[in-house]
Amino acid sequence: MSPVDLAAVRAALHTVNDPELRRPIDELGMLEDVTADGGTVTVRVLLTIAGCPLRGTIDADVRAALGRVPGVEETAVVLDVMTPEQRQELKDRLRPERGIPFSRPDSLTKVYAVASGKGGVGKSSVTVNLASELASRGLRVGIVDADVHGFSVPALLGVTGSPTRVDDMILPPVAHDVKVISIGMFVQGNQPVAWRGPMLHRALEQFLGDVYFGDLDVLFLDLPPGTGDVAISVSQLLPNAQLLVVTTPQAAAADVAERAGSVSAQTGQRVAGVIENMSGLILPDGTVMEVFGSGGGARVAERLSASLGAPVELLGQVPLDVALREGGDAGVPIVLSRPDSPSAAALRAIADRLAAQPRGLAGRSLGVTPVA
């Protein structure tokens, strides 16, 4: 029997990612030792915390990876826990600088703050579907549920687990390849959160600074309706965030949504576009019943373009769809559960337009050094 090639074993283990950090375990310092005795390979893996909720996933992934290495007949996985010093090294490796990474001038993450003038327009449903669609395309996507008083993102994504704490660093749960954090993960049952402005600001600051999202392509913030404390905090903590304004076709909703978008004139933020949700109910005979009227999204885009002095586009119109509601109740966004539905098609088209928007390089270092 040929001896096991340890180089091949280590190459296979390099394909094993920590399910929360989404990086190879050997890069994270979690791979403590690898030995081979005949066809038996023993792997010692260091978990970040003793009660790691995904230890079973790591064990299974290591065994699956080594099962594809020629000569490996049996795998023994020994799970241990990092020392405080090893955890500090991990945190320093992941976050060499403190603060909010998405607010730095060299950040390449596109940040979209999804806003609405009033509640009940489907802002959260739009957020989770756009995030899930972009993640399904291979982009690295995160969501911050900034609606502290009316959090709903965990349920819409089917998240039931809690974040993992590595000392003062929080690892967000992952659902449908989207990393998500919400105050709903820290309260018992369906208890209300009765906080005033300073607490709301601190919660948002902690979500953005203490939660380790890693390198994201896109970050969505699901804002509470209106133009209150959280909207102001977002403009201060993430001045480069772009607003996505969600409205329904109804005139009353459009008027309020216009005010939500007009906040950008005071904060200096850019409005990435307007999304009209619940734009019509497609009946079995193919006709469309305009339950909430028509034209609200176009009116908001037109008025914001005039008041802001810059073009604001209507990015798309999402029809009413029972399947969209059913997907939200089941924790599976409609772009994944019913990708052939009219609503999913409209959401994908909006995601196309967001993905096509370039990330500006103004003020960012290109890492170029002149040569004498």
Protein backbone atom coordinates (compact mmCIF):
# COMPACT_ATOMS: atom_id res chain seq x y z
CA MET A 1 0.00 0.00 0.00
CA SER A 2 1.37 3.42 -1.01
CA PRO A 3 1.83 5.94 1.83
CA VAL A 4 -0.65 8.80 1.97
CA ASP A 5 0.66 11.98 0.37
CA LEU A 6 0.42 14.59 3.13
CA ALA A 7 0.77 17.37 0.57
CA ALA A 8 -2.39 16.08 -1.14
CA VAL A 9 -4.09 15.84 2.25
CA ARG A 10 -3.26 19.45 3.09
CA ALA A 11 -4.37 20.58 -0.36
CA ALA A 12 -7.72 18.86 0.24
CA LEU A 13 -8.06 20.47 3.67
CA HIS A 14 -7.47 23.86 2.08
CA THR A 15 -10.86 23.41 0.38
CA VAL A 16 -12.60 23.12 3.76
CA ASN A 17 -14.08 26.45 4.78
CA ASP A 18 -15.22 27.50 8.22
CA PRO A 19 -19.01 27.67 7.68
CA GLU A 20 -19.31 31.02 9.47
CA LEU A 21 -16.15 32.81 8.41
CA ARG A 22 -16.29 31.37 4.86
CA ARG A 23 -12.51 31.03 4.62
CA PRO A 24 -10.25 27.94 4.54
CA ILE A 25 -9.57 26.49 7.98
CA ASP A 26 -5.81 26.39 7.36
CA GLU A 27 -5.75 30.13 6.56
CA LEU A 28 -7.60 30.84 9.82
CA GLY A 29 -5.12 28.94 12.00
CA MET A 30 -7.75 26.32 12.80
CA LEU A 31 -5.76 23.42 11.33
CA GLU A 32 -3.46 22.47 14.20
CA ASP A 33 -1.95 19.19 12.99
CA VAL A 34 -2.21 16.52 10.30
CA THR A 35 -0.66 13.04 10.60
CA ALA A 36 -0.91 9.82 8.63
CA ASP A 37 -0.46 6.24 9.76
CA GLY A 38 -0.90 3.90 6.84
CA GLY A 39 -4.30 4.70 5.35
CA THR A 40 -5.52 6.50 8.48
CA VAL A 41 -5.27 10.29 8.58
CA THR A 42 -5.73 12.17 11.84
CA VAL A 43 -6.67 15.85 11.66
CA ARG A 44 -6.70 18.16 14.66
CA VAL A 45 -8.96 21.20 14.16
CA LEU A 46 -9.19 24.12 16.57
CA LEU A 47 -12.69 25.57 16.99
CA THR A 48 -13.07 29.26 17.76
CA ILE A 49 -15.25 28.57 20.81
CA ALA A 50 -16.07 25.49 22.88
CA GLY A 51 -19.75 25.50 22.01
CA CYS A 52 -19.31 26.03 18.27
CA PRO A 53 -22.77 25.34 16.81
CA LEU A 54 -21.34 24.13 13.49
CA ARG A 55 -18.74 21.68 14.77
CA GLY A 56 -20.65 18.85 13.10
CA THR A 57 -20.47 20.64 9.75
CA ILE A 58 -16.70 21.11 10.06
CA ASP A 59 -16.25 17.44 10.98
CA ALA A 60 -18.33 16.28 8.01
CA ASP A 61 -16.61 18.65 5.57
CA VAL A 62 -13.12 17.46 6.64
CA ARG A 63 -14.12 13.82 6.20
CA ALA A 64 -15.68 14.52 2.81
CA ALA A 65 -12.58 16.37 1.58
CA LEU A 66 -10.18 13.64 2.68
CA GLY A 67 -12.43 10.95 1.29
CA ARG A 68 -11.41 12.13 -2.18
CA VAL A 69 -7.65 11.82 -1.50
CA PRO A 70 -6.07 8.64 -2.93
CA GLY A 71 -4.85 6.25 -0.25
CA VAL A 72 -6.96 7.65 2.59
CA GLU A 73 -8.99 4.78 4.03
CA GLU A 74 -10.05 6.27 7.34
CA THR A 75 -10.20 9.78 8.78
CA ALA A 76 -10.05 10.70 12.45
CA VAL A 77 -11.12 14.27 13.24
CA VAL A 78 -10.12 15.63 16.64
CA LEU A 79 -11.87 18.87 17.56
CA ASP A 80 -10.26 21.11 20.15
CA VAL A 81 -10.66 24.78 21.12
CA MET A 82 -8.42 27.77 20.49
CA THR A 83 -6.59 29.34 23.39
CA PRO A 84 -7.31 33.02 24.14
CA GLU A 85 -4.02 33.91 22.45
CA GLN A 86 -4.94 31.94 19.32
CA ARG A 87 -8.37 33.61 19.21
CA GLN A 88 -6.71 37.02 19.44
CA GLU A 89 -4.41 36.10 16.55
CA LEU A 90 -7.46 35.06 14.54
CA LYS A 91 -9.24 38.34 15.27
CA ASP A 92 -6.15 40.34 14.38
CA ARG A 93 -5.90 38.42 11.11
CA LEU A 94 -9.55 39.00 10.25
CA ARG A 95 -9.79 42.59 11.46
CA PRO A 96 -6.39 44.28 11.47
CA GLU A 97 -8.14 47.63 11.94
CA ARG A 98 -11.00 48.52 14.24
CA GLY A 99 -14.02 50.54 13.19
CA ILE A 100 -16.56 50.16 10.41
CA PRO A 101 -14.84 48.61 7.37
CA PHE A 102 -17.56 49.71 4.94
CA SER A 103 -17.00 53.39 5.71
CA ARG A 104 -13.33 53.39 4.78
CA PRO A 105 -12.32 55.22 1.60
CA ASP A 106 -10.75 52.07 0.15
CA SER A 107 -13.82 49.88 0.70
CA LEU A 108 -15.14 48.31 -2.51
CA THR A 109 -18.39 47.11 -0.96
CA LYS A 110 -21.50 48.61 -2.53
CA VAL A 111 -23.83 49.62 0.30
CA TYR A 112 -27.56 50.01 -0.34
CA ALA A 113 -29.83 51.44 2.35
CA VAL A 114 -33.34 50.26 1.50
CA ALA A 115 -35.78 52.95 2.62
CA SER A 116 -39.48 53.65 2.50
CA GLY A 117 -41.66 56.48 3.64
CA LYS A 118 -44.21 54.26 5.35
CA GLY A 119 -44.46 50.70 6.56
CA GLY A 120 -46.23 47.87 4.78
CA VAL A 121 -44.80 48.48 1.31
CA GLY A 122 -42.76 45.26 1.27
CA LYS A 123 -39.37 46.87 1.83
CA SER A 124 -37.97 43.90 3.75
CA SER A 125 -39.24 41.38 1.20
CA VAL A 126 -37.57 43.35 -1.57
CA THR A 127 -34.33 43.50 0.44
CA VAL A 128 -34.05 39.77 1.14
CA ASN A 129 -34.98 38.83 -2.43
CA LEU A 130 -32.42 41.17 -4.00
CA ALA A 131 -29.75 39.95 -1.57
CA SER A 132 -30.56 36.28 -2.23
CA GLU A 133 -30.58 36.80 -5.98
CA LEU A 134 -27.18 38.49 -5.98
CA ALA A 135 -25.78 35.81 -3.68
CA SER A 136 -27.04 33.09 -6.02
CA ARG A 137 -24.84 34.66 -8.71
CA GLY A 138 -21.74 34.13 -6.61
CA LEU A 139 -21.51 37.60 -5.07
CA ARG A 140 -20.65 37.96 -1.39
CA VAL A 141 -23.70 39.60 0.18
CA GLY A 142 -24.72 40.71 3.65
CA ILE A 143 -27.82 42.23 5.25
CA VAL A 144 -28.04 44.42 8.33
CA ASP A 145 -31.61 44.45 9.62
CA ALA A 146 -31.58 48.06 10.80
CA ASP A 147 -35.31 48.10 11.55
CA VAL A 148 -34.76 47.52 15.26
CA HIS A 149 -38.37 48.08 16.26
CA GLY A 150 -39.90 46.11 13.39
CA PHE A 151 -37.27 43.49 12.55
CA SER A 152 -38.41 40.81 10.10
CA VAL A 153 -35.39 39.80 8.02
CA PRO A 154 -34.48 36.64 10.02
CA ALA A 155 -37.95 35.18 9.50
CA LEU A 156 -38.00 36.08 5.81
CA LEU A 157 -34.69 34.24 5.35
CA GLY A 158 -35.58 31.32 7.61
CA VAL A 159 -32.83 32.10 10.12
CA THR A 160 -33.43 30.40 13.46
CA GLY A 161 -29.89 30.23 14.85
CA SER A 162 -28.04 32.81 16.88
CA PRO A 163 -24.80 34.62 16.01
CA THR A 164 -21.57 33.13 17.33
CA ARG A 165 -19.49 35.35 19.60
CA VAL A 166 -15.71 35.12 19.50
CA ASP A 167 -14.92 37.40 22.43
CA ASP A 168 -16.00 40.83 21.18
CA MET A 169 -16.38 39.74 17.54
CA ILE A 170 -19.77 38.55 16.29
CA LEU A 171 -20.09 36.02 13.45
CA PRO A 172 -23.41 36.45 11.63
CA PRO A 173 -25.58 33.47 10.64
CA VAL A 174 -25.70 32.59 6.94
CA ALA A 175 -28.91 31.79 5.05
CA HIS A 176 -29.12 31.19 1.30
CA ASP A 177 -25.45 32.31 1.13
CA VAL A 178 -26.38 35.69 2.66
CA LYS A 179 -24.78 36.80 5.92
CA VAL A 180 -27.37 38.49 8.12
CA ILE A 181 -27.53 40.23 11.49
CA SER A 182 -30.62 41.50 13.29
CA ILE A 183 -31.63 42.58 16.77
CA GLY A 184 -34.21 39.80 16.50
CA MET A 185 -31.37 37.32 17.08
CA PHE A 186 -30.74 38.79 20.53
CA VAL A 187 -34.26 38.99 21.99
CA GLN A 188 -36.32 36.23 23.52
CA GLY A 189 -39.38 35.12 21.58
CA ASN A 190 -41.34 37.98 20.08
CA GLN A 191 -40.47 40.55 22.71
CA PRO A 192 -40.61 44.20 21.59
CA VAL A 193 -37.54 46.41 21.54
CA ALA A 194 -38.38 49.78 23.11
CA TRP A 195 -35.30 51.89 22.47
CA ARG A 196 -34.76 55.58 21.85
CA GLY A 197 -32.38 57.30 19.46
CA PRO A 198 -28.99 56.84 21.22
CA MET A 199 -29.61 53.10 21.70
CA LEU A 200 -30.64 52.72 18.07
CA HIS A 201 -27.47 54.47 16.93
CA ARG A 202 -25.31 52.28 19.16
CA ALA A 203 -27.00 49.09 17.94
CA LEU A 204 -26.38 50.04 14.31
CA GLU A 205 -22.80 51.03 15.09
CA GLN A 206 -22.19 47.65 16.74
CA PHE A 207 -23.75 45.74 13.85
CA LEU A 208 -21.44 47.51 11.41
CA GLY A 209 -18.29 47.48 13.51
CA ASP A 210 -18.38 44.38 15.70
CA VAL A 211 -20.00 41.91 13.29
CA TYR A 212 -17.48 40.22 11.02
CA PHE A 213 -18.97 40.10 7.51
CA GLY A 214 -15.65 39.62 5.74
CA ASP A 215 -15.09 41.01 2.27
CA LEU A 216 -18.53 41.75 0.84
CA ASP A 217 -19.45 42.75 -2.68
CA VAL A 218 -22.81 44.14 -1.57
CA LEU A 219 -24.27 45.12 1.81
CA PHE A 220 -27.97 45.86 2.21
CA LEU A 221 -29.40 47.76 5.16
CA ASP A 222 -33.12 47.24 5.73
CA LEU A 223 -34.08 50.60 7.25
CA PRO A 224 -37.17 51.34 9.31
CA PRO A 225 -39.82 53.38 7.51
CA GLY A 226 -39.60 57.15 7.66
CA THR A 227 -36.80 59.65 8.13
CA GLY A 228 -35.96 59.22 11.80
CA ASP A 229 -32.97 58.30 13.94
CA VAL A 230 -31.74 55.26 12.03
CA ALA A 231 -31.77 57.00 8.65
CA ILE A 232 -29.70 59.81 10.13
CA SER A 233 -27.31 57.33 11.79
CA VAL A 234 -26.79 55.50 8.49
CA SER A 235 -25.81 58.75 6.78
CA GLN A 236 -23.27 59.42 9.54
CA LEU A 237 -21.82 55.91 9.84
CA LEU A 238 -21.96 55.04 6.12
CA PRO A 239 -21.83 58.32 4.18
CA ASN A 240 -21.21 56.46 0.91
CA ALA A 241 -24.35 54.33 1.22
CA GLN A 242 -26.83 54.71 -1.63
CA LEU A 243 -30.57 54.83 -1.04
CA LEU A 244 -33.02 52.42 -2.63
CA VAL A 245 -36.51 53.86 -2.20
CA VAL A 246 -39.38 51.36 -2.12
CA THR A 247 -42.97 52.45 -2.65
CA THR A 248 -46.29 51.06 -3.79
CA PRO A 249 -48.24 52.55 -6.72
CA GLN A 250 -50.63 54.29 -4.33
CA ALA A 251 -50.44 58.09 -4.41
CA ALA A 252 -50.35 58.41 -0.61
CA ALA A 253 -47.45 55.94 -0.36
CA ALA A 254 -45.60 57.68 -3.20
CA ASP A 255 -45.83 61.06 -1.48
CA VAL A 256 -44.31 59.67 1.70
CA ALA A 257 -41.66 57.71 -0.21
CA GLU A 258 -40.58 60.93 -1.92
CA ARG A 259 -39.79 62.40 1.50
CA ALA A 260 -37.68 59.34 2.39
CA GLY A 261 -35.62 59.84 -0.76
CA SER A 262 -35.35 63.60 -0.31
CA VAL A 263 -33.39 63.04 2.91
CA SER A 264 -30.39 62.42 0.64
CA ALA A 265 -30.31 66.13 -0.19
CA GLN A 266 -29.48 66.81 3.46
CA THR A 267 -27.15 63.86 4.01
CA GLY A 268 -25.26 64.05 0.72
CA GLN A 269 -26.11 60.47 -0.20
CA ARG A 270 -27.01 59.28 -3.68
CA VAL A 271 -30.36 57.72 -4.55
CA ALA A 272 -29.62 54.55 -6.51
CA GLY A 273 -33.21 54.28 -7.72
CA VAL A 274 -36.85 53.65 -6.93
CA ILE A 275 -38.56 50.26 -6.73
CA GLU A 276 -42.32 50.00 -7.08
CA ASN A 277 -43.64 47.00 -5.15
CA MET A 278 -47.17 45.55 -5.33
CA SER A 279 -47.56 47.14 -8.75
CA GLY A 280 -50.46 44.94 -9.83
CA LEU A 281 -52.08 41.55 -9.35
CA ILE A 282 -51.81 39.26 -12.37
CA LEU A 283 -55.11 37.38 -12.71
CA PRO A 284 -55.45 33.85 -14.14
CA ASP A 285 -56.64 35.23 -17.51
CA GLY A 286 -53.48 37.35 -17.80
CA THR A 287 -55.09 40.70 -17.04
CA VAL A 288 -53.67 42.91 -14.30
CA MET A 289 -55.76 44.25 -11.43
CA GLU A 290 -54.22 47.45 -10.11
CA VAL A 291 -55.12 46.92 -6.47
CA PHE A 292 -53.13 49.92 -5.23
CA GLY A 293 -53.49 52.11 -8.29
CA SER A 294 -50.68 52.82 -10.74
CA GLY A 295 -47.78 55.14 -11.45
CA GLY A 296 -46.54 55.72 -7.91
CA GLY A 297 -42.99 54.53 -8.58
CA ALA A 298 -42.64 56.65 -11.71
CA ARG A 299 -43.95 59.72 -9.85
CA VAL A 300 -41.43 59.24 -7.04
CA ALA A 301 -38.55 58.85 -9.49
CA GLU A 302 -39.63 61.92 -11.46
CA ARG A 303 -40.06 64.11 -8.39
CA LEU A 304 -36.77 63.02 -6.84
CA SER A 305 -34.97 63.70 -10.11
CA ALA A 306 -36.36 67.23 -10.10
CA SER A 307 -35.74 67.97 -6.42
CA LEU A 308 -32.26 66.43 -6.25
CA GLY A 309 -31.06 67.78 -9.57
CA ALA A 310 -29.83 64.35 -10.69
CA PRO A 311 -31.54 61.53 -12.57
CA VAL A 312 -33.26 58.97 -10.34
CA GLU A 313 -34.44 55.89 -12.18
CA LEU A 314 -37.41 53.63 -11.63
CA LEU A 315 -35.48 50.37 -11.37
CA GLY A 316 -38.47 48.08 -11.70
CA GLN A 317 -42.02 47.19 -10.77
CA VAL A 318 -42.70 44.04 -8.74
CA PRO A 319 -46.23 42.65 -9.15
CA LEU A 320 -48.33 41.29 -6.30
CA ASP A 321 -47.78 37.57 -6.00
CA VAL A 322 -49.14 35.07 -3.48
CA ALA A 323 -45.98 33.02 -3.94
CA LEU A 324 -43.88 35.97 -2.76
CA ARG A 325 -45.80 36.04 0.50
CA GLU A 326 -45.62 32.25 0.82
CA GLY A 327 -41.86 32.32 0.26
CA GLY A 328 -41.46 34.92 2.99
CA ASP A 329 -43.54 32.87 5.42
CA ALA A 330 -41.45 29.77 4.63
CA GLY A 331 -38.14 31.61 4.87
CA VAL A 332 -37.27 30.96 1.21
CA PRO A 333 -37.23 34.10 -1.00
CA ILE A 334 -39.28 33.82 -4.18
CA VAL A 335 -36.22 34.30 -6.42
CA LEU A 336 -35.10 30.90 -5.11
CA SER A 337 -38.41 29.10 -4.51
CA ARG A 338 -40.26 30.23 -7.65
CA PRO A 339 -37.68 31.71 -10.02
CA ASP A 340 -40.12 31.41 -12.95
CA SER A 341 -42.77 33.62 -11.35
CA PRO A 342 -43.44 37.19 -12.60
CA SER A 343 -42.36 38.68 -9.27
CA ALA A 344 -39.07 36.78 -9.29
CA ALA A 345 -38.43 37.90 -12.87
CA ALA A 346 -39.01 41.54 -11.88
CA LEU A 347 -36.70 41.22 -8.88
CA ARG A 348 -33.99 39.59 -11.00
CA ALA A 349 -34.21 42.45 -13.49
CA ILE A 350 -33.71 44.94 -10.64
CA ALA A 351 -30.75 42.89 -9.37
CA ASP A 352 -29.30 43.05 -12.91
CA ARG A 353 -29.36 46.82 -12.79
CA LEU A 354 -27.83 47.00 -9.32
CA ALA A 355 -25.08 44.54 -10.25
CA ALA A 356 -24.28 46.59 -13.35
CA GLN A 357 -23.72 49.81 -11.38
CA PRO A 358 -19.95 50.41 -11.18
CA ARG A 359 -18.18 51.10 -7.92
CA GLY A 360 -16.41 54.42 -8.08
CA LEU A 361 -12.68 54.64 -7.37
CA ALA A 362 -12.65 58.28 -6.27
CA GLY A 363 -10.52 58.72 -3.17
CA ARG A 364 -9.35 55.11 -3.14
CA SER A 365 -5.75 54.03 -3.24
CA LEU A 366 -4.72 51.96 -6.23
CA GLY A 367 -1.65 50.62 -4.43
CA VAL A 368 0.69 52.03 -7.07
CA THR A 369 4.14 53.20 -5.96
CA PRO A 370 6.34 55.31 -8.27
CA VAL A 371 9.63 53.70 -9.23
CA ALA A 372 12.70 55.93 -9.29
